[in-house]
Amino acid sequence: MPRVAIKLLNLAWLVIVFIGLPAATHAQIANWNIGPASTSKMLISGGLALGALANFFMAVTRKKPKDRVLWWEWMAIFTALLIVQYGYVNGYLNFNWLKHALQWIQSKL
C-alpha cells in the first residue's frame, strides 16, 4: 500500500473519531444538550482503540519494512491519543494552563 494512502486513511479515521462521532452523538434542543457526554467519550475511546488495533494488525501482516514502520508509527499515535483522552476524561489531565495562556495572550492583543 502506498505510504500516502496509509497516511490519508489514518487521518480520515482521526477526523471521523474526533469530529464525526461527537457531532453524531450531540443532540441539542433550544440551547439544552440532551445527548449524554459519556456516549461521546466512549465512542471516541473506542474509535481510538480500534484505530490502534487496526494499525497493529496491519503492521504485523505487512512485508515491506517501510510500510511496517509507518503502521507502527500510526499505532503509537493512536495509542498516545487514547492515553491522553483517558487521562482527560478521568481528570488526570486538565488544560487550565492552556486556557490561562490563551486568555493572557488575548488580553495583550
Protein backbone atom coordinates (compact mmCIF):
# COMPACT_ATOMS: atom_id res chain seq x y z
CA MET A 1 0.00 0.00 0.00
CA PRO A 2 1.46 3.41 -0.87
CA ARG A 3 2.62 5.47 2.08
CA VAL A 4 0.36 8.39 1.13
CA ALA A 5 -2.67 6.10 1.22
CA ILE A 6 -1.69 4.89 4.69
CA LYS A 7 -1.44 8.46 5.94
CA LEU A 8 -4.71 9.54 4.32
CA LEU A 9 -6.55 6.51 5.69
CA ASN A 10 -5.36 7.19 9.24
CA LEU A 11 -6.02 10.93 9.00
CA ALA A 12 -9.53 10.24 7.74
CA TRP A 13 -10.10 7.92 10.70
CA LEU A 14 -8.91 10.64 13.11
CA VAL A 15 -11.34 13.13 11.56
CA ILE A 16 -14.18 10.64 11.91
CA VAL A 17 -13.29 9.91 15.54
CA PHE A 18 -12.73 13.48 16.72
CA ILE A 19 -15.27 15.36 14.58
CA GLY A 20 -17.79 12.88 13.22
CA LEU A 21 -18.57 10.83 16.32
CA PRO A 22 -19.10 13.78 18.69
CA ALA A 23 -21.26 15.50 16.08
CA ALA A 24 -23.33 12.35 15.59
CA THR A 25 -23.92 11.85 19.31
CA HIS A 26 -24.62 15.52 20.08
CA ALA A 27 -28.30 16.37 20.45
CA GLN A 28 -29.45 19.86 21.34
CA ILE A 29 -32.86 21.47 21.70
CA ALA A 30 -33.02 25.23 22.33
CA ASN A 31 -29.56 25.53 23.91
CA TRP A 32 -30.18 22.44 26.03
CA ASN A 33 -27.92 19.45 25.47
CA ILE A 34 -29.79 16.18 25.64
CA GLY A 35 -27.08 13.91 24.24
CA PRO A 36 -25.06 12.25 27.00
CA ALA A 37 -21.39 13.23 27.08
CA SER A 38 -20.47 9.75 28.27
CA THR A 39 -21.64 8.26 24.96
CA SER A 40 -19.38 10.60 23.03
CA LYS A 41 -16.43 9.83 25.31
CA MET A 42 -16.96 6.08 24.96
CA LEU A 43 -17.21 6.30 21.18
CA ILE A 44 -14.03 8.38 20.95
CA SER A 45 -12.18 5.90 23.18
CA GLY A 46 -13.48 3.00 21.14
CA GLY A 47 -12.56 4.69 17.86
CA LEU A 48 -9.02 5.38 19.03
CA ALA A 49 -8.64 1.83 20.32
CA LEU A 50 -9.97 0.45 17.04
CA GLY A 51 -7.52 2.63 15.11
CA ALA A 52 -4.61 1.41 17.24
CA LEU A 53 -5.64 -2.23 16.82
CA ALA A 54 -6.11 -1.89 13.07
CA ASN A 55 -2.69 -0.30 12.71
CA PHE A 56 -1.16 -3.03 14.88
CA PHE A 57 -2.74 -5.71 12.70
CA MET A 58 -1.53 -4.03 9.51
CA ALA A 59 2.00 -3.61 10.92
CA VAL A 60 2.19 -7.28 11.82
CA THR A 61 0.91 -8.55 8.47
CA ARG A 62 2.92 -6.31 6.09
CA LYS A 63 6.12 -7.47 4.44
CA LYS A 64 7.68 -4.15 3.35
CA PRO A 65 9.79 -2.69 6.17
CA LYS A 66 8.99 0.94 5.29
CA ASP A 67 5.25 0.28 5.33
CA ARG A 68 5.57 -1.69 8.55
CA VAL A 69 7.37 1.19 10.27
CA LEU A 70 4.67 3.62 9.14
CA TRP A 71 1.92 1.37 10.50
CA TRP A 72 3.80 1.11 13.84
CA GLU A 73 4.11 4.91 13.96
CA TRP A 74 0.39 5.36 13.43
CA MET A 75 -0.35 2.74 16.08
CA ALA A 76 1.82 4.73 18.51
CA ILE A 77 -0.05 7.94 17.61
CA PHE A 78 -3.45 6.35 18.22
CA THR A 79 -2.24 4.79 21.48
CA ALA A 80 -0.84 8.12 22.70
CA LEU A 81 -4.10 9.89 21.86
CA LEU A 82 -6.03 7.17 23.67
CA ILE A 83 -3.86 7.62 26.78
CA VAL A 84 -4.30 11.42 26.68
CA GLN A 85 -8.05 11.07 26.18
CA TYR A 86 -8.28 8.60 29.06
CA GLY A 87 -6.33 10.95 31.32
CA TYR A 88 -8.50 13.92 30.36
CA VAL A 89 -11.80 12.07 30.84
CA ASN A 90 -10.77 10.73 34.26
CA GLY A 91 -9.43 14.07 35.46
CA TYR A 92 -5.73 13.20 35.46
CA LEU A 93 -5.04 15.86 32.83
CA ASN A 94 -6.52 19.29 32.52
CA PHE A 95 -5.83 22.12 30.18
CA ASN A 96 -6.37 25.07 32.52
CA TRP A 97 -2.79 26.20 31.83
CA LEU A 98 -3.66 26.47 28.14
CA LYS A 99 -6.83 28.40 28.90
CA HIS A 100 -4.92 30.87 31.08
CA ALA A 101 -2.15 31.25 28.49
CA LEU A 102 -4.64 31.99 25.73
CA GLN A 103 -6.51 34.47 27.90
CA TRP A 104 -3.24 36.20 28.72
CA ILE A 105 -2.35 36.42 25.02
CA GLN A 106 -5.82 37.74 24.25
CA SER A 107 -5.50 40.45 26.90
CA LYS A 108 -2.19 41.60 25.36
CA LEU A 109 -3.66 41.93 21.86
